[in-house]
Every structure is written in structure tokens, then in C-alpha cells.
Amino acid sequence: MTGHGDFGAAPNGEEKVMSFNEIPKFFHPEIRHLIDFALEDAWQELRNQDLADAASVRGKLATTIVALAAIGETDPVKLKRFALHAARGAFERAARAQHHRRQARKAAASA
């Protein structure tokens, strides 16, 4: 798990995906720690990729993991896997949309 004594920062000094104190309090403390672990583990896998909007990706990871935990999923491996899938899907959709907007602008400019 990450450094829970310093809730706002990861051990490497970077900002965490979601501070431990931001994880909803209605979760049992053990579940909150699982959420924190899964969030940080997922973010470590994505953070070195060329992300146009890292804050949005972190937000997608957080909302996905918290939502899954809220419906009873507590396996940190599954939480991470589903969150990565959701974040990558959102990232790919955003990249495709941006590509289509650029193509439309080029077509409009050349018309």
C-alpha cells in the first residue's frame, strides 16, 4: 500500500490519484485501504504513458474503483483491472474524438 501517513502525496512525491481522506467514509477502513491500494497500483501502470489529460485519467480510475467497491467488489486485482480498462477506453475515445475534430477543421479550412 502507499504511504497512508502522508495522505496527499505518493511516496515518490507525486500527487496521489485520490487522497485517502477523499475515499468515502461509508466504506469500512479495510475497504478504504483496498481502494487506495488499487488506485495507486493502477495509476503507477498508467502514469508514464503520454496522457493528454492526466487529471481526467486519475479521475476515471478513482470513480471506477469507488463505484465498483460500492457495489461490493473488494478484490484489488479486479478493481485495478476494471479501472484500467475504463480509463484506457475513455482515453482512446477522447483521442479518436480529438483526431476527428482535427480532420473536420482541416476539411473546413481547405473547402
PDB file of N, CA and C in Angstrom:
ATOM      1  N   MET A   1       0.843  -1.186   0.000  1.00  0.00           N
ATOM      2  CA  MET A   1       0.000   0.000   0.000  1.00  0.00           C
ATOM      3  C   MET A   1       0.879   1.237   0.000  1.00  0.00           C
ATOM      4  N   THR A   2       0.258   2.364  -0.243  1.00  0.00           N
ATOM      5  CA  THR A   2       1.001   3.608  -0.309  1.00  0.00           C
ATOM      6  C   THR A   2       1.155   4.195   1.076  1.00  0.00           C
ATOM      7  N   GLY A   3       1.895   5.292   1.168  1.00  0.00           N
ATOM      8  CA  GLY A   3       2.166   5.916   2.459  1.00  0.00           C
ATOM      9  C   GLY A   3       0.937   6.579   3.035  1.00  0.00           C
ATOM     10  N   HIS A   4       0.212   5.884   3.883  1.00  0.00           N
ATOM     11  CA  HIS A   4      -1.034   6.429   4.423  1.00  0.00           C
ATOM     12  C   HIS A   4      -0.814   7.532   5.443  1.00  0.00           C
ATOM     13  N   GLY A   5       0.387   7.668   5.960  1.00  0.00           N
ATOM     14  CA  GLY A   5       0.646   8.742   6.909  1.00  0.00           C
ATOM     15  C   GLY A   5       0.658  10.089   6.222  1.00  0.00           C
ATOM     16  N   ASP A   6       0.982  10.106   4.935  1.00  0.00           N
ATOM     17  CA  ASP A   6       1.035  11.338   4.150  1.00  0.00           C
ATOM     18  C   ASP A   6      -0.020  11.216   3.066  1.00  0.00           C
ATOM     19  N   PHE A   7      -1.276  11.461   3.439  1.00  0.00           N
ATOM     20  CA  PHE A   7      -2.406  11.137   2.580  1.00  0.00           C
ATOM     21  C   PHE A   7      -2.422  11.885   1.259  1.00  0.00           C
ATOM     22  N   GLY A   8      -1.822  13.043   1.170  1.00  0.00           N
ATOM     23  CA  GLY A   8      -1.920  13.824  -0.057  1.00  0.00           C
ATOM     24  C   GLY A   8      -0.849  13.547  -1.080  1.00  0.00           C
ATOM     25  N   ALA A   9       0.174  12.787  -0.737  1.00  0.00           N
ATOM     26  CA  ALA A   9       1.262  12.570  -1.685  1.00  0.00           C
ATOM     27  C   ALA A   9       1.654  11.103  -1.714  1.00  0.00           C
ATOM     28  N   ALA A  10       2.074  10.690  -2.883  1.00  0.00           N
ATOM     29  CA  ALA A  10       2.577   9.328  -3.039  1.00  0.00           C
ATOM     30  C   ALA A  10       4.003   9.282  -2.501  1.00  0.00           C
ATOM     31  N   PRO A  11       4.552   8.102  -2.237  1.00  0.00           N
ATOM     32  CA  PRO A  11       5.906   8.009  -1.699  1.00  0.00           C
ATOM     33  C   PRO A  11       6.956   8.669  -2.574  1.00  0.00           C
ATOM     34  N   ASN A  12       6.752   8.734  -3.885  1.00  0.00           N
ATOM     35  CA  ASN A  12       7.728   9.344  -4.780  1.00  0.00           C
ATOM     36  C   ASN A  12       7.559  10.859  -4.880  1.00  0.00           C
ATOM     37  N   GLY A  13       6.673  11.433  -4.084  1.00  0.00           N
ATOM     38  CA  GLY A  13       6.473  12.875  -4.064  1.00  0.00           C
ATOM     39  C   GLY A  13       5.416  13.376  -5.028  1.00  0.00           C
ATOM     40  N   GLU A  14       4.907  12.507  -5.897  1.00  0.00           N
ATOM     41  CA  GLU A  14       3.861  12.924  -6.823  1.00  0.00           C
ATOM     42  C   GLU A  14       2.514  12.944  -6.119  1.00  0.00           C
ATOM     43  N   GLU A  15       1.592  13.675  -6.701  1.00  0.00           N
ATOM     44  CA  GLU A  15       0.245  13.708  -6.153  1.00  0.00           C
ATOM     45  C   GLU A  15      -0.417  12.353  -6.337  1.00  0.00           C
ATOM     46  N   LYS A  16      -1.157  11.930  -5.314  1.00  0.00           N
ATOM     47  CA  LYS A  16      -1.858  10.659  -5.394  1.00  0.00           C
ATOM     48  C   LYS A  16      -3.093  10.803  -6.273  1.00  0.00           C
ATOM     49  N   VAL A  17      -3.618   9.669  -6.710  1.00  0.00           N
ATOM     50  CA  VAL A  17      -4.829   9.662  -7.523  1.00  0.00           C
ATOM     51  C   VAL A  17      -5.960  10.299  -6.734  1.00  0.00           C
ATOM     52  N   MET A  18      -6.149   9.840  -5.532  1.00  0.00           N
ATOM     53  CA  MET A  18      -7.188  10.340  -4.643  1.00  0.00           C
ATOM     54  C   MET A  18      -6.612  10.222  -3.241  1.00  0.00           C
ATOM     55  N   SER A  19      -6.634  11.295  -2.488  1.00  0.00           N
ATOM     56  CA  SER A  19      -6.086  11.178  -1.146  1.00  0.00           C
ATOM     57  C   SER A  19      -6.951  10.215  -0.345  1.00  0.00           C
ATOM     58  N   PHE A  20      -6.331   9.556   0.591  1.00  0.00           N
ATOM     59  CA  PHE A  20      -7.038   8.580   1.409  1.00  0.00           C
ATOM     60  C   PHE A  20      -8.254   9.222   2.069  1.00  0.00           C
ATOM     61  N   ASN A  21      -8.135  10.472   2.467  1.00  0.00           N
ATOM     62  CA  ASN A  21      -9.254  11.168   3.130  1.00  0.00           C
ATOM     63  C   ASN A  21     -10.413  11.463   2.185  1.00  0.00           C
ATOM     64  N   GLU A  22     -10.178  11.395   0.874  1.00  0.00           N
ATOM     65  CA  GLU A  22     -11.244  11.628  -0.100  1.00  0.00           C
ATOM     66  C   GLU A  22     -12.071  10.377  -0.379  1.00  0.00           C
ATOM     67  N   ILE A  23     -11.557   9.213  -0.005  1.00  0.00           N
ATOM     68  CA  ILE A  23     -12.306   7.979  -0.205  1.00  0.00           C
ATOM     69  C   ILE A  23     -13.499   8.023   0.731  1.00  0.00           C
ATOM     70  N   PRO A  24     -14.698   7.807   0.213  1.00  0.00           N
ATOM     71  CA  PRO A  24     -15.902   7.953   1.047  1.00  0.00           C
ATOM     72  C   PRO A  24     -15.798   7.200   2.381  1.00  0.00           C
ATOM     73  N   LYS A  25     -16.221   7.880   3.426  1.00  0.00           N
ATOM     74  CA  LYS A  25     -16.109   7.355   4.790  1.00  0.00           C
ATOM     75  C   LYS A  25     -17.083   6.221   5.079  1.00  0.00           C
ATOM     76  N   PHE A  26     -18.102   6.034   4.224  1.00  0.00           N
ATOM     77  CA  PHE A  26     -19.045   4.952   4.497  1.00  0.00           C
ATOM     78  C   PHE A  26     -18.421   3.575   4.270  1.00  0.00           C
ATOM     79  N   PHE A  27     -17.255   3.535   3.587  1.00  0.00           N
ATOM     80  CA  PHE A  27     -16.568   2.266   3.416  1.00  0.00           C
ATOM     81  C   PHE A  27     -15.872   1.878   4.718  1.00  0.00           C
ATOM     82  N   HIS A  28     -15.848   0.611   5.000  1.00  0.00           N
ATOM     83  CA  HIS A  28     -15.101   0.077   6.132  1.00  0.00           C
ATOM     84  C   HIS A  28     -13.625   0.453   5.926  1.00  0.00           C
ATOM     85  N   PRO A  29     -12.879   0.735   6.989  1.00  0.00           N
ATOM     86  CA  PRO A  29     -11.470   1.129   6.830  1.00  0.00           C
ATOM     87  C   PRO A  29     -10.639   0.153   5.984  1.00  0.00           C
ATOM     88  N   GLU A  30     -10.885  -1.125   6.128  1.00  0.00           N
ATOM     89  CA  GLU A  30     -10.135  -2.103   5.332  1.00  0.00           C
ATOM     90  C   GLU A  30     -10.436  -1.929   3.845  1.00  0.00           C
ATOM     91  N   ILE A  31     -11.689  -1.675   3.513  1.00  0.00           N
ATOM     92  CA  ILE A  31     -12.081  -1.459   2.113  1.00  0.00           C
ATOM     93  C   ILE A  31     -11.473  -0.157   1.599  1.00  0.00           C
ATOM     94  N   ARG A  32     -11.434   0.861   2.439  1.00  0.00           N
ATOM     95  CA  ARG A  32     -10.818   2.134   2.037  1.00  0.00           C
ATOM     96  C   ARG A  32      -9.342   1.921   1.694  1.00  0.00           C
ATOM     97  N   HIS A  33      -8.662   1.075   2.460  1.00  0.00           N
ATOM     98  CA  HIS A  33      -7.260   0.785   2.169  1.00  0.00           C
ATOM     99  C   HIS A  33      -7.131  -0.008   0.865  1.00  0.00           C
ATOM    100  N   LEU A  34      -8.053  -0.932   0.601  1.00  0.00           N
ATOM    101  CA  LEU A  34      -8.039  -1.673  -0.662  1.00  0.00           C
ATOM    102  C   LEU A  34      -8.251  -0.727  -1.847  1.00  0.00           C
ATOM    103  N   ILE A  35      -9.174   0.206  -1.684  1.00  0.00           N
ATOM    104  CA  ILE A  35      -9.430   1.205  -2.732  1.00  0.00           C
ATOM    105  C   ILE A  35      -8.167   2.015  -2.987  1.00  0.00           C
ATOM    106  N   ASP A  36      -7.562   2.482  -1.921  1.00  0.00           N
ATOM    107  CA  ASP A  36      -6.338   3.281  -2.031  1.00  0.00           C
ATOM    108  C   ASP A  36      -5.248   2.485  -2.747  1.00  0.00           C
ATOM    109  N   PHE A  37      -5.059   1.237  -2.357  1.00  0.00           N
ATOM    110  CA  PHE A  37      -4.042   0.397  -2.968  1.00  0.00           C
ATOM    111  C   PHE A  37      -4.326   0.201  -4.457  1.00  0.00           C
ATOM    112  N   ALA A  38      -5.566  -0.136  -4.803  1.00  0.00           N
ATOM    113  CA  ALA A  38      -5.921  -0.376  -6.203  1.00  0.00           C
ATOM    114  C   ALA A  38      -5.754   0.892  -7.041  1.00  0.00           C
ATOM    115  N   LEU A  39      -6.133   2.039  -6.499  1.00  0.00           N
ATOM    116  CA  LEU A  39      -5.977   3.315  -7.214  1.00  0.00           C
ATOM    117  C   LEU A  39      -4.518   3.597  -7.513  1.00  0.00           C
ATOM    118  N   GLU A  40      -3.694   3.486  -6.504  1.00  0.00           N
ATOM    119  CA  GLU A  40      -2.276   3.804  -6.689  1.00  0.00           C
ATOM    120  C   GLU A  40      -1.597   2.799  -7.608  1.00  0.00           C
ATOM    121  N   ASP A  41      -1.964   1.525  -7.490  1.00  0.00           N
ATOM    122  CA  ASP A  41      -1.389   0.496  -8.345  1.00  0.00           C
ATOM    123  C   ASP A  41      -1.779   0.745  -9.807  1.00  0.00           C
ATOM    124  N   ALA A  42      -3.042   1.072 -10.046  1.00  0.00           N
ATOM    125  CA  ALA A  42      -3.497   1.365 -11.409  1.00  0.00           C
ATOM    126  C   ALA A  42      -2.801   2.613 -11.960  1.00  0.00           C
ATOM    127  N   TRP A  43      -2.692   3.645 -11.142  1.00  0.00           N
ATOM    128  CA  TRP A  43      -2.057   4.884 -11.595  1.00  0.00           C
ATOM    129  C   TRP A  43      -0.586   4.645 -11.937  1.00  0.00           C
ATOM    130  N   GLN A  44       0.109   3.832 -11.156  1.00  0.00           N
ATOM    131  CA  GLN A  44       1.516   3.543 -11.450  1.00  0.00           C
ATOM    132  C   GLN A  44       1.662   2.897 -12.826  1.00  0.00           C
ATOM    133  N   GLU A  45       0.684   2.137 -13.231  1.00  0.00           N
ATOM    134  CA  GLU A  45       0.736   1.493 -14.543  1.00  0.00           C
ATOM    135  C   GLU A  45       0.508   2.496 -15.675  1.00  0.00           C
ATOM    136  N   LEU A  46      -0.266   3.535 -15.425  1.00  0.00           N
ATOM    137  CA  LEU A  46      -0.612   4.492 -16.482  1.00  0.00           C
ATOM    138  C   LEU A  46       0.231   5.762 -16.477  1.00  0.00           C
ATOM    139  N   ARG A  47       0.790   6.122 -15.360  1.00  0.00           N
ATOM    140  CA  ARG A  47       1.364   7.468 -15.211  1.00  0.00           C
ATOM    141  C   ARG A  47       2.510   7.793 -16.154  1.00  0.00           C
ATOM    142  N   ASN A  48       3.235   6.792 -16.649  1.00  0.00           N
ATOM    143  CA  ASN A  48       4.357   7.059 -17.547  1.00  0.00           C
ATOM    144  C   ASN A  48       3.961   7.075 -19.014  1.00  0.00           C
ATOM    145  N   GLN A  49       2.678   6.875 -19.287  1.00  0.00           N
ATOM    146  CA  GLN A  49       2.206   6.942 -20.663  1.00  0.00           C
ATOM    147  C   GLN A  49       1.975   8.393 -21.036  1.00  0.00           C
ATOM    148  N   ASP A  50       1.939   8.652 -22.303  1.00  0.00           N
ATOM    149  CA  ASP A  50       1.720  10.011 -22.804  1.00  0.00           C
ATOM    150  C   ASP A  50       0.238  10.349 -22.676  1.00  0.00           C
ATOM    151  N   LEU A  51      -0.143  10.889 -21.522  1.00  0.00           N
ATOM    152  CA  LEU A  51      -1.542  11.202 -21.247  1.00  0.00           C
ATOM    153  C   LEU A  51      -1.785  12.685 -21.483  1.00  0.00           C
ATOM    154  N   ALA A  52      -2.717  12.981 -22.367  1.00  0.00           N
ATOM    155  CA  ALA A  52      -3.032  14.376 -22.657  1.00  0.00           C
ATOM    156  C   ALA A  52      -3.659  15.054 -21.452  1.00  0.00           C
ATOM    157  N   ASP A  53      -4.449  14.324 -20.692  1.00  0.00           N
ATOM    158  CA  ASP A  53      -5.145  14.900 -19.542  1.00  0.00           C
ATOM    159  C   ASP A  53      -5.053  13.933 -18.365  1.00  0.00           C
ATOM    160  N   ALA A  54      -3.924  13.973 -17.671  1.00  0.00           N
ATOM    161  CA  ALA A  54      -3.672  13.045 -16.562  1.00  0.00           C
ATOM    162  C   ALA A  54      -4.721  13.187 -15.464  1.00  0.00           C
ATOM    163  N   ALA A  55      -5.196  14.396 -15.215  1.00  0.00           N
ATOM    164  CA  ALA A  55      -6.201  14.595 -14.162  1.00  0.00           C
ATOM    165  C   ALA A  55      -7.489  13.845 -14.490  1.00  0.00           C
ATOM    166  N   SER A  56      -7.895  13.858 -15.748  1.00  0.00           N
ATOM    167  CA  SER A  56      -9.101  13.128 -16.150  1.00  0.00           C
ATOM    168  C   SER A  56      -8.904  11.621 -16.012  1.00  0.00           C
ATOM    169  N   VAL A  57      -7.725  11.159 -16.361  1.00  0.00           N
ATOM    170  CA  VAL A  57      -7.439   9.725 -16.247  1.00  0.00           C
ATOM    171  C   VAL A  57      -7.466   9.310 -14.782  1.00  0.00           C
ATOM    172  N   ARG A  58      -6.820  10.110 -13.914  1.00  0.00           N
ATOM    173  CA  ARG A  58      -6.851   9.805 -12.482  1.00  0.00           C
ATOM    174  C   ARG A  58      -8.282   9.805 -11.969  1.00  0.00           C
ATOM    175  N   GLY A  59      -9.080  10.764 -12.421  1.00  0.00           N
ATOM    176  CA  GLY A  59     -10.479  10.830 -12.003  1.00  0.00           C
ATOM    177  C   GLY A  59     -11.271   9.616 -12.453  1.00  0.00           C
ATOM    178  N   LYS A  60     -11.015   9.154 -13.680  1.00  0.00           N
ATOM    179  CA  LYS A  60     -11.706   7.966 -14.190  1.00  0.00           C
ATOM    180  C   LYS A  60     -11.324   6.742 -13.372  1.00  0.00           C
ATOM    181  N   LEU A  61     -10.047   6.604 -13.040  1.00  0.00           N
ATOM    182  CA  LEU A  61      -9.612   5.493 -12.195  1.00  0.00           C
ATOM    183  C   LEU A  61     -10.345   5.533 -10.856  1.00  0.00           C
ATOM    184  N   ALA A  62     -10.369   6.706 -10.249  1.00  0.00           N
ATOM    185  CA  ALA A  62     -10.972   6.850  -8.919  1.00  0.00           C
ATOM    186  C   ALA A  62     -12.468   6.559  -8.947  1.00  0.00           C
ATOM    187  N   THR A  63     -13.187   7.139  -9.896  1.00  0.00           N
ATOM    188  CA  THR A  63     -14.637   6.928  -9.910  1.00  0.00           C
ATOM    189  C   THR A  63     -14.982   5.474 -10.208  1.00  0.00           C
ATOM    190  N   THR A  64     -14.200   4.846 -11.082  1.00  0.00           N
ATOM    191  CA  THR A  64     -14.465   3.443 -11.407  1.00  0.00           C
ATOM    192  C   THR A  64     -14.239   2.551 -10.194  1.00  0.00           C
ATOM    193  N   ILE A  65     -13.117   2.724  -9.522  1.00  0.00           N
ATOM    194  CA  ILE A  65     -12.798   1.866  -8.380  1.00  0.00           C
ATOM    195  C   ILE A  65     -13.763   2.096  -7.231  1.00  0.00           C
ATOM    196  N   VAL A  66     -14.086   3.337  -6.942  1.00  0.00           N
ATOM    197  CA  VAL A  66     -15.028   3.626  -5.855  1.00  0.00           C
ATOM    198  C   VAL A  66     -16.409   3.066  -6.190  1.00  0.00           C
ATOM    199  N   ALA A  67     -16.834   3.202  -7.433  1.00  0.00           N
ATOM    200  CA  ALA A  67     -18.150   2.668  -7.828  1.00  0.00           C
ATOM    201  C   ALA A  67     -18.196   1.153  -7.696  1.00  0.00           C
ATOM    202  N   LEU A  68     -17.151   0.484  -8.130  1.00  0.00           N
ATOM    203  CA  LEU A  68     -17.108  -0.975  -8.019  1.00  0.00           C
ATOM    204  C   LEU A  68     -17.077  -1.419  -6.561  1.00  0.00           C
ATOM    205  N   ALA A  69     -16.315  -0.722  -5.747  1.00  0.00           N
ATOM    206  CA  ALA A  69     -16.266  -1.061  -4.321  1.00  0.00           C
ATOM    207  C   ALA A  69     -17.632  -0.837  -3.678  1.00  0.00           C
ATOM    208  N   ALA A  70     -18.344   0.187  -4.137  1.00  0.00           N
ATOM    209  CA  ALA A  70     -19.669   0.488  -3.578  1.00  0.00           C
ATOM    210  C   ALA A  70     -20.678  -0.618  -3.856  1.00  0.00           C
ATOM    211  N   ILE A  71     -20.467  -1.382  -4.938  1.00  0.00           N
ATOM    212  CA  ILE A  71     -21.396  -2.475  -5.223  1.00  0.00           C
ATOM    213  C   ILE A  71     -20.847  -3.822  -4.740  1.00  0.00           C
ATOM    214  N   GLY A  72     -19.761  -3.767  -3.974  1.00  0.00           N
ATOM    215  CA  GLY A  72     -19.280  -4.960  -3.296  1.00  0.00           C
ATOM    216  C   GLY A  72     -18.018  -5.607  -3.812  1.00  0.00           C
ATOM    217  N   GLU A  73     -17.420  -5.065  -4.871  1.00  0.00           N
ATOM    218  CA  GLU A  73     -16.170  -5.662  -5.361  1.00  0.00           C
ATOM    219  C   GLU A  73     -15.027  -5.248  -4.443  1.00  0.00           C
ATOM    220  N   THR A  74     -14.313  -6.218  -3.902  1.00  0.00           N
ATOM    221  CA  THR A  74     -13.221  -5.916  -2.971  1.00  0.00           C
ATOM    222  C   THR A  74     -11.893  -6.535  -3.382  1.00  0.00           C
ATOM    223  N   ASP A  75     -11.854  -7.203  -4.508  1.00  0.00           N
ATOM    224  CA  ASP A  75     -10.600  -7.790  -4.981  1.00  0.00           C
ATOM    225  C   ASP A  75      -9.776  -6.678  -5.632  1.00  0.00           C
ATOM    226  N   PRO A  76      -8.631  -6.296  -5.039  1.00  0.00           N
ATOM    227  CA  PRO A  76      -7.860  -5.176  -5.597  1.00  0.00           C
ATOM    228  C   PRO A  76      -7.353  -5.439  -7.011  1.00  0.00           C
ATOM    229  N   VAL A  77      -7.113  -6.687  -7.361  1.00  0.00           N
ATOM    230  CA  VAL A  77      -6.675  -7.009  -8.725  1.00  0.00           C
ATOM    231  C   VAL A  77      -7.800  -6.718  -9.717  1.00  0.00           C
ATOM    232  N   LYS A  78      -9.013  -7.113  -9.372  1.00  0.00           N
ATOM    233  CA  LYS A  78     -10.163  -6.838 -10.246  1.00  0.00           C
ATOM    234  C   LYS A  78     -10.455  -5.344 -10.297  1.00  0.00           C
ATOM    235  N   LEU A  79     -10.388  -4.673  -9.154  1.00  0.00           N
ATOM    236  CA  LEU A  79     -10.622  -3.225  -9.132  1.00  0.00           C
ATOM    237  C   LEU A  79      -9.645  -2.525 -10.068  1.00  0.00           C
ATOM    238  N   LYS A  80      -8.382  -2.891  -9.970  1.00  0.00           N
ATOM    239  CA  LYS A  80      -7.356  -2.284 -10.829  1.00  0.00           C
ATOM    240  C   LYS A  80      -7.634  -2.601 -12.292  1.00  0.00           C
ATOM    241  N   ARG A  81      -7.901  -3.867 -12.604  1.00  0.00           N
ATOM    242  CA  ARG A  81      -8.107  -4.281 -13.994  1.00  0.00           C
ATOM    243  C   ARG A  81      -9.294  -3.545 -14.626  1.00  0.00           C
ATOM    244  N   PHE A  82     -10.422  -3.493 -13.907  1.00  0.00           N
ATOM    245  CA  PHE A  82     -11.604  -2.799 -14.447  1.00  0.00           C
ATOM    246  C   PHE A  82     -11.359  -1.303 -14.592  1.00  0.00           C
ATOM    247  N   ALA A  83     -10.672  -0.711 -13.633  1.00  0.00           N
ATOM    248  CA  ALA A  83     -10.394   0.731 -13.704  1.00  0.00           C
ATOM    249  C   ALA A  83      -9.461   1.048 -14.864  1.00  0.00           C
ATOM    250  N   LEU A  84      -8.433   0.215 -15.064  1.00  0.00           N
ATOM    251  CA  LEU A  84      -7.527   0.433 -16.196  1.00  0.00           C
ATOM    252  C   LEU A  84      -8.276   0.311 -17.521  1.00  0.00           C
ATOM    253  N   HIS A  85      -9.146  -0.673 -17.598  1.00  0.00           N
ATOM    254  CA  HIS A  85      -9.940  -0.857 -18.820  1.00  0.00           C
ATOM    255  C   HIS A  85     -10.810   0.382 -19.078  1.00  0.00           C
ATOM    256  N   ALA A  86     -11.476   0.868 -18.049  1.00  0.00           N
ATOM    257  CA  ALA A  86     -12.339   2.047 -18.203  1.00  0.00           C
ATOM    258  C   ALA A  86     -11.521   3.284 -18.572  1.00  0.00           C
ATOM    259  N   ALA A  87     -10.393   3.473 -17.915  1.00  0.00           N
ATOM    260  CA  ALA A  87      -9.570   4.655 -18.185  1.00  0.00           C
ATOM    261  C   ALA A  87      -8.985   4.602 -19.590  1.00  0.00           C
ATOM    262  N   ARG A  88      -8.501   3.438 -19.987  1.00  0.00           N
ATOM    263  CA  ARG A  88      -7.940   3.314 -21.336  1.00  0.00           C
ATOM    264  C   ARG A  88      -9.021   3.516 -22.391  1.00  0.00           C
ATOM    265  N   GLY A  89     -10.208   2.987 -22.130  1.00  0.00           N
ATOM    266  CA  GLY A  89     -11.309   3.188 -23.065  1.00  0.00           C
ATOM    267  C   GLY A  89     -11.669   4.654 -23.202  1.00  0.00           C
ATOM    268  N   ALA A  90     -11.742   5.351 -22.085  1.00  0.00           N
ATOM    269  CA  ALA A  90     -12.054   6.786 -22.112  1.00  0.00           C
ATOM    270  C   ALA A  90     -10.948   7.560 -22.820  1.00  0.00           C
ATOM    271  N   PHE A  91      -9.698   7.193 -22.559  1.00  0.00           N
ATOM    272  CA  PHE A  91      -8.558   7.852 -23.182  1.00  0.00           C
ATOM    273  C   PHE A  91      -8.584   7.645 -24.695  1.00  0.00           C
ATOM    274  N   GLU A  92      -8.867   6.406 -25.142  1.00  0.00           N
ATOM    275  CA  GLU A  92      -8.924   6.115 -26.573  1.00  0.00           C
ATOM    276  C   GLU A  92     -10.079   6.853 -27.249  1.00  0.00           C
ATOM    277  N   ARG A  93     -11.244   6.910 -26.582  1.00  0.00           N
ATOM    278  CA  ARG A  93     -12.387   7.643 -27.156  1.00  0.00           C
ATOM    279  C   ARG A  93     -12.056   9.126 -27.285  1.00  0.00           C
ATOM    280  N   ALA A  94     -11.395   9.686 -26.278  1.00  0.00           N
ATOM    281  CA  ALA A  94     -11.030  11.106 -26.321  1.00  0.00           C
ATOM    282  C   ALA A  94     -10.027  11.365 -27.442  1.00  0.00           C
ATOM    283  N   ALA A  95      -9.068  10.464 -27.612  1.00  0.00           N
ATOM    284  CA  ALA A  95      -8.070  10.625 -28.679  1.00  0.00           C
ATOM    285  C   ALA A  95      -8.730  10.548 -30.056  1.00  0.00           C
ATOM    286  N   ARG A  96      -9.664   9.596 -30.225  1.00  0.00           N
ATOM    287  CA  ARG A  96     -10.379   9.491 -31.514  1.00  0.00           C
ATOM    288  C   ARG A  96     -11.203  10.748 -31.783  1.00  0.00           C
ATOM    289  N   ALA A  97     -11.878  11.253 -30.756  1.00  0.00           N
ATOM    290  CA  ALA A  97     -12.692  12.458 -30.928  1.00  0.00           C
ATOM    291  C   ALA A  97     -11.812  13.647 -31.308  1.00  0.00           C
ATOM    292  N   GLN A  98     -10.657  13.758 -30.668  1.00  0.00           N
ATOM    293  CA  GLN A  98      -9.746  14.850 -30.985  1.00  0.00           C
ATOM    294  C   GLN A  98      -9.240  14.723 -32.422  1.00  0.00           C
ATOM    295  N   HIS A  99      -8.942  13.510 -32.847  1.00  0.00           N
ATOM    296  CA  HIS A  99      -8.489  13.262 -34.215  1.00  0.00           C
ATOM    297  C   HIS A  99      -9.571  13.666 -35.217  1.00  0.00           C
ATOM    298  N   HIS A 100     -10.818  13.292 -34.936  1.00  0.00           N
ATOM    299  CA  HIS A 100     -11.929  13.635 -35.834  1.00  0.00           C
ATOM    300  C   HIS A 100     -12.147  15.146 -35.887  1.00  0.00           C
ATOM    301  N   ARG A 101     -11.991  15.823 -34.755  1.00  0.00           N
ATOM    302  CA  ARG A 101     -12.134  17.292 -34.754  1.00  0.00           C
ATOM    303  C   ARG A 101     -11.058  17.941 -35.615  1.00  0.00           C
ATOM    304  N   ARG A 102      -9.815  17.439 -35.513  1.00  0.00           N
ATOM    305  CA  ARG A 102      -8.725  17.982 -36.327  1.00  0.00           C
ATOM    306  C   ARG A 102      -9.008  17.773 -37.807  1.00  0.00           C
ATOM    307  N   GLN A 103      -9.478  16.568 -38.165  1.00  0.00           N
ATOM    308  CA  GLN A 103      -9.794  16.277 -39.563  1.00  0.00           C
ATOM    309  C   GLN A 103     -10.911  17.196 -40.076  1.00  0.00           C
ATOM    310  N   ALA A 104     -11.923  17.430 -39.242  1.00  0.00           N
ATOM    311  CA  ALA A 104     -13.016  18.289 -39.635  1.00  0.00           C
ATOM    312  C   ALA A 104     -12.522  19.727 -39.856  1.00  0.00           C
ATOM    313  N   ARG A 105     -11.639  20.199 -38.969  1.00  0.00           N
ATOM    314  CA  ARG A 105     -11.079  21.556 -39.123  1.00  0.00           C
ATOM    315  C   ARG A 105     -10.265  21.661 -40.406  1.00  0.00           C
ATOM    316  N   LYS A 106      -9.464  20.634 -40.686  1.00  0.00           N
ATOM    317  CA  LYS A 106      -8.660  20.649 -41.929  1.00  0.00           C
ATOM    318  C   LYS A 106      -9.567  20.666 -43.141  1.00  0.00           C
ATOM    319  N   ALA A 107     -10.618  19.848 -43.117  1.00  0.00           N
ATOM    320  CA  ALA A 107     -11.539  19.787 -44.246  1.00  0.00           C
ATOM    321  C   ALA A 107     -12.248  21.117 -44.428  1.00  0.00           C
ATOM    322  N   ALA A 108     -12.649  21.739 -43.335  1.00  0.00           N
ATOM    323  CA  ALA A 108     -13.334  23.036 -43.408  1.00  0.00           C
ATOM    324  C   ALA A 108     -12.391  24.122 -43.908  1.00  0.00           C
ATOM    325  N   ALA A 109     -11.128  24.059 -43.502  1.00  0.00           N
ATOM    326  CA  ALA A 109     -10.154  25.067 -43.926  1.00  0.00           C
ATOM    327  C   ALA A 109      -9.801  24.945 -45.394  1.00  0.00           C
ATOM    328  N   SER A 110      -9.815  23.719 -45.905  1.00  0.00           N
ATOM    329  CA  SER A 110      -9.459  23.539 -47.312  1.00  0.00           C
ATOM    330  C   SER A 110     -10.662  23.687 -48.249  1.00  0.00           C
ATOM    331  N   ALA A 111     -11.844  23.829 -47.700  1.00  0.00           N
ATOM    332  CA  ALA A 111     -13.050  23.939 -48.540  1.00  0.00           C
ATOM    333  C   ALA A 111     -13.273  25.359 -49.008  1.00  0.00           C
TER     334      ALA A 111
END
